[in-house]
N, C-alpha and C. Protein backbone atom coordinates (compact mmCIF):
# COMPACT_ATOMS: atom_id res chain seq x y z
N UNK A 1 18.97 -19.86 -86.18
CA UNK A 1 19.90 -20.90 -86.54
C UNK A 1 21.07 -20.88 -85.57
N UNK A 2 21.50 -22.06 -85.13
CA UNK A 2 22.60 -22.19 -84.17
C UNK A 2 23.94 -22.20 -84.92
N UNK A 3 24.91 -21.49 -84.36
CA UNK A 3 26.24 -21.38 -84.96
C UNK A 3 27.30 -21.69 -83.91
N UNK A 4 28.43 -22.20 -84.37
CA UNK A 4 29.60 -22.43 -83.53
C UNK A 4 30.80 -21.81 -84.23
N UNK A 5 31.61 -21.09 -83.46
CA UNK A 5 32.77 -20.39 -84.02
C UNK A 5 33.99 -20.73 -83.18
N UNK A 6 35.06 -21.21 -83.83
CA UNK A 6 36.34 -21.46 -83.17
C UNK A 6 37.09 -20.14 -83.10
N UNK A 7 37.37 -19.69 -81.89
CA UNK A 7 38.04 -18.39 -81.72
C UNK A 7 39.53 -18.50 -82.03
N UNK A 8 40.12 -17.33 -82.25
CA UNK A 8 41.56 -17.24 -82.53
C UNK A 8 42.16 -16.14 -81.65
N UNK A 9 43.17 -16.49 -80.86
CA UNK A 9 43.89 -15.49 -80.09
C UNK A 9 43.27 -15.09 -78.77
N UNK A 10 42.30 -15.86 -78.27
CA UNK A 10 41.68 -15.53 -76.99
C UNK A 10 41.69 -16.75 -76.06
N UNK A 11 41.43 -16.50 -74.79
CA UNK A 11 41.34 -17.60 -73.82
C UNK A 11 40.10 -18.45 -74.09
N UNK A 12 39.03 -17.80 -74.52
CA UNK A 12 37.84 -18.56 -74.91
C UNK A 12 38.17 -19.34 -76.18
N UNK A 13 37.78 -20.61 -76.20
CA UNK A 13 38.13 -21.48 -77.32
C UNK A 13 37.05 -21.52 -78.39
N UNK A 14 35.81 -21.29 -77.98
CA UNK A 14 34.69 -21.46 -78.89
C UNK A 14 33.54 -20.55 -78.46
N UNK A 15 32.74 -20.11 -79.43
CA UNK A 15 31.54 -19.35 -79.13
C UNK A 15 30.37 -20.03 -79.84
N UNK A 16 29.32 -20.29 -79.09
CA UNK A 16 28.08 -20.80 -79.67
C UNK A 16 27.01 -19.73 -79.52
N UNK A 17 26.16 -19.59 -80.53
CA UNK A 17 25.13 -18.56 -80.49
C UNK A 17 24.07 -18.87 -81.54
N UNK A 18 22.98 -18.15 -81.45
CA UNK A 18 21.91 -18.25 -82.43
C UNK A 18 21.61 -16.87 -82.98
N UNK A 19 21.23 -16.83 -84.25
CA UNK A 19 20.72 -15.62 -84.88
C UNK A 19 19.38 -15.99 -85.49
N UNK A 20 18.33 -15.28 -85.08
CA UNK A 20 17.00 -15.62 -85.61
C UNK A 20 16.78 -14.97 -86.98
N UNK A 21 15.61 -15.22 -87.55
CA UNK A 21 15.29 -14.74 -88.90
C UNK A 21 15.26 -13.22 -89.01
N UNK A 22 15.19 -12.52 -87.88
CA UNK A 22 15.19 -11.06 -87.87
C UNK A 22 16.58 -10.47 -87.63
N UNK A 23 17.60 -11.35 -87.52
CA UNK A 23 18.96 -10.88 -87.29
C UNK A 23 19.26 -10.59 -85.83
N UNK A 24 18.45 -11.15 -84.93
CA UNK A 24 18.61 -10.93 -83.49
C UNK A 24 19.46 -12.03 -82.88
N UNK A 25 20.38 -11.65 -82.00
CA UNK A 25 21.32 -12.58 -81.36
C UNK A 25 20.68 -13.16 -80.10
N UNK A 26 20.85 -14.48 -79.93
CA UNK A 26 20.32 -15.18 -78.75
C UNK A 26 21.30 -16.26 -78.29
N UNK A 27 21.22 -16.59 -77.01
CA UNK A 27 21.89 -17.76 -76.43
C UNK A 27 23.39 -17.82 -76.70
N UNK A 28 24.09 -16.72 -76.49
CA UNK A 28 25.55 -16.70 -76.66
C UNK A 28 26.20 -17.42 -75.48
N UNK A 29 27.08 -18.36 -75.81
CA UNK A 29 27.83 -19.09 -74.79
C UNK A 29 29.28 -19.18 -75.24
N UNK A 30 30.18 -18.69 -74.39
CA UNK A 30 31.62 -18.80 -74.64
C UNK A 30 32.13 -20.05 -73.92
N UNK A 31 32.99 -20.81 -74.59
CA UNK A 31 33.64 -21.94 -73.96
C UNK A 31 35.04 -21.51 -73.57
N UNK A 32 35.31 -21.47 -72.28
CA UNK A 32 36.60 -20.98 -71.79
C UNK A 32 36.56 -19.47 -71.61
N UNK A 33 37.70 -18.91 -71.32
CA UNK A 33 37.78 -17.47 -71.12
C UNK A 33 37.45 -17.08 -69.69
N UNK A 34 37.42 -15.79 -69.44
CA UNK A 34 37.10 -15.24 -68.12
C UNK A 34 35.60 -15.30 -67.92
N UNK A 35 35.16 -16.19 -67.05
CA UNK A 35 33.73 -16.48 -66.92
C UNK A 35 32.88 -15.24 -66.69
N UNK A 36 33.28 -14.37 -65.81
CA UNK A 36 32.49 -13.18 -65.53
C UNK A 36 32.37 -12.28 -66.75
N UNK A 37 33.47 -12.09 -67.45
CA UNK A 37 33.45 -11.23 -68.63
C UNK A 37 32.63 -11.84 -69.76
N UNK A 38 32.86 -13.12 -70.03
CA UNK A 38 32.14 -13.73 -71.15
C UNK A 38 30.65 -13.86 -70.86
N UNK A 39 30.29 -14.16 -69.61
CA UNK A 39 28.87 -14.19 -69.25
C UNK A 39 28.26 -12.80 -69.34
N UNK A 40 29.04 -11.79 -68.95
CA UNK A 40 28.56 -10.41 -69.05
C UNK A 40 28.32 -9.99 -70.48
N UNK A 41 29.27 -10.29 -71.36
CA UNK A 41 29.10 -9.97 -72.79
C UNK A 41 27.87 -10.70 -73.33
N UNK A 42 27.75 -11.97 -73.03
CA UNK A 42 26.61 -12.76 -73.51
C UNK A 42 25.28 -12.15 -73.05
N UNK A 43 25.21 -11.74 -71.80
CA UNK A 43 23.97 -11.15 -71.28
C UNK A 43 23.68 -9.80 -71.94
N UNK A 44 24.71 -9.01 -72.16
CA UNK A 44 24.51 -7.68 -72.75
C UNK A 44 24.05 -7.74 -74.20
N UNK A 45 24.50 -8.74 -74.96
CA UNK A 45 24.13 -8.80 -76.38
C UNK A 45 22.84 -9.57 -76.63
N UNK A 46 22.32 -10.24 -75.62
CA UNK A 46 21.07 -11.00 -75.79
C UNK A 46 19.96 -10.09 -76.29
N UNK A 47 19.36 -10.47 -77.41
CA UNK A 47 18.24 -9.71 -77.96
C UNK A 47 18.64 -8.53 -78.84
N UNK A 48 19.95 -8.31 -79.00
CA UNK A 48 20.42 -7.21 -79.86
C UNK A 48 20.47 -7.67 -81.32
N UNK A 49 20.41 -6.72 -82.22
CA UNK A 49 20.62 -7.01 -83.63
C UNK A 49 22.09 -7.36 -83.84
N UNK A 50 22.36 -8.38 -84.65
CA UNK A 50 23.72 -8.82 -84.90
C UNK A 50 24.59 -7.68 -85.41
N UNK A 51 24.07 -6.86 -86.31
CA UNK A 51 24.85 -5.75 -86.85
C UNK A 51 25.24 -4.75 -85.77
N UNK A 52 24.37 -4.53 -84.79
CA UNK A 52 24.69 -3.62 -83.69
C UNK A 52 25.78 -4.20 -82.79
N UNK A 53 25.72 -5.51 -82.54
CA UNK A 53 26.75 -6.17 -81.73
C UNK A 53 28.10 -6.06 -82.44
N UNK A 54 28.10 -6.32 -83.74
CA UNK A 54 29.34 -6.22 -84.52
C UNK A 54 29.93 -4.82 -84.40
N UNK A 55 29.10 -3.83 -84.58
CA UNK A 55 29.56 -2.44 -84.52
C UNK A 55 30.15 -2.09 -83.16
N UNK A 56 29.53 -2.56 -82.09
CA UNK A 56 29.99 -2.22 -80.74
C UNK A 56 31.21 -3.04 -80.30
N UNK A 57 31.33 -4.28 -80.78
CA UNK A 57 32.37 -5.18 -80.28
C UNK A 57 33.60 -5.29 -81.17
N UNK A 58 33.49 -4.92 -82.42
CA UNK A 58 34.60 -5.02 -83.37
C UNK A 58 35.78 -4.18 -82.88
N UNK A 59 36.97 -4.75 -82.93
CA UNK A 59 38.25 -4.10 -82.61
C UNK A 59 38.48 -3.80 -81.14
N UNK A 60 37.70 -4.37 -80.23
CA UNK A 60 38.03 -4.28 -78.81
C UNK A 60 39.24 -5.16 -78.56
N UNK A 61 40.23 -4.64 -77.86
CA UNK A 61 41.48 -5.36 -77.65
C UNK A 61 41.60 -5.86 -76.21
N UNK A 62 42.23 -7.01 -76.04
CA UNK A 62 42.55 -7.57 -74.73
C UNK A 62 44.07 -7.57 -74.62
N UNK A 63 44.60 -6.59 -73.93
CA UNK A 63 46.05 -6.48 -73.82
C UNK A 63 46.70 -6.32 -75.17
N UNK A 64 47.73 -7.13 -75.42
CA UNK A 64 48.47 -7.06 -76.68
C UNK A 64 48.12 -8.21 -77.61
N UNK A 65 46.98 -8.84 -77.42
CA UNK A 65 46.59 -10.00 -78.21
C UNK A 65 46.17 -9.64 -79.64
N UNK A 66 45.75 -8.42 -79.85
CA UNK A 66 45.26 -8.03 -81.17
C UNK A 66 43.80 -8.39 -81.39
N UNK A 67 43.16 -8.92 -80.36
CA UNK A 67 41.74 -9.29 -80.41
C UNK A 67 41.24 -9.41 -78.98
N UNK A 68 40.01 -9.86 -78.82
CA UNK A 68 39.41 -10.07 -77.50
C UNK A 68 38.20 -10.98 -77.69
N UNK A 69 37.60 -11.39 -76.60
CA UNK A 69 36.37 -12.20 -76.72
C UNK A 69 35.25 -11.41 -77.41
N UNK A 70 35.02 -10.13 -77.07
CA UNK A 70 34.00 -9.38 -77.80
C UNK A 70 34.35 -9.23 -79.29
N UNK A 71 35.61 -9.01 -79.61
CA UNK A 71 36.03 -8.89 -81.01
C UNK A 71 35.81 -10.21 -81.74
N UNK A 72 36.10 -11.32 -81.08
CA UNK A 72 35.87 -12.62 -81.69
C UNK A 72 34.38 -12.90 -81.88
N UNK A 73 33.54 -12.41 -80.96
CA UNK A 73 32.10 -12.53 -81.15
C UNK A 73 31.67 -11.75 -82.38
N UNK A 74 32.22 -10.55 -82.58
CA UNK A 74 31.90 -9.77 -83.78
C UNK A 74 32.30 -10.54 -85.03
N UNK A 75 33.49 -11.15 -85.02
CA UNK A 75 33.94 -11.94 -86.17
C UNK A 75 33.02 -13.13 -86.41
N UNK A 76 32.60 -13.78 -85.32
CA UNK A 76 31.69 -14.93 -85.45
C UNK A 76 30.36 -14.52 -86.06
N UNK A 77 29.82 -13.40 -85.61
CA UNK A 77 28.54 -12.92 -86.14
C UNK A 77 28.68 -12.52 -87.61
N UNK A 78 29.78 -11.86 -87.95
CA UNK A 78 30.01 -11.49 -89.37
C UNK A 78 30.06 -12.73 -90.24
N UNK A 79 30.77 -13.77 -89.77
CA UNK A 79 30.88 -15.00 -90.55
C UNK A 79 29.50 -15.65 -90.71
N UNK A 80 28.74 -15.70 -89.62
CA UNK A 80 27.41 -16.31 -89.68
C UNK A 80 26.49 -15.56 -90.63
N UNK A 81 26.54 -14.24 -90.60
CA UNK A 81 25.69 -13.44 -91.49
C UNK A 81 26.10 -13.60 -92.95
N UNK A 82 27.40 -13.71 -93.20
CA UNK A 82 27.85 -13.84 -94.59
C UNK A 82 27.56 -15.24 -95.15
N UNK A 83 27.47 -16.24 -94.26
CA UNK A 83 27.16 -17.61 -94.71
C UNK A 83 25.67 -17.86 -94.82
N UNK A 84 24.87 -16.90 -94.36
CA UNK A 84 23.42 -17.06 -94.44
C UNK A 84 22.91 -17.82 -93.32
């Protein structure tokens, strides 16, 4: 299922991604943000279990923002999993 998440507190404005019936993350695309970093994160999480991505990316900080693009991806995945 395809999901879209409006980020909060990051340069990236939106994250689009899919989670399949097995809980596997696919096709992560960040809108905005540091292209190299967001593309790198997207490539690294491709094919991972959503719960594993959440565990690895939750609470990563970008400077003094209190969040980061990886942290926002974790929040997006948590929201998608809780909404079914």
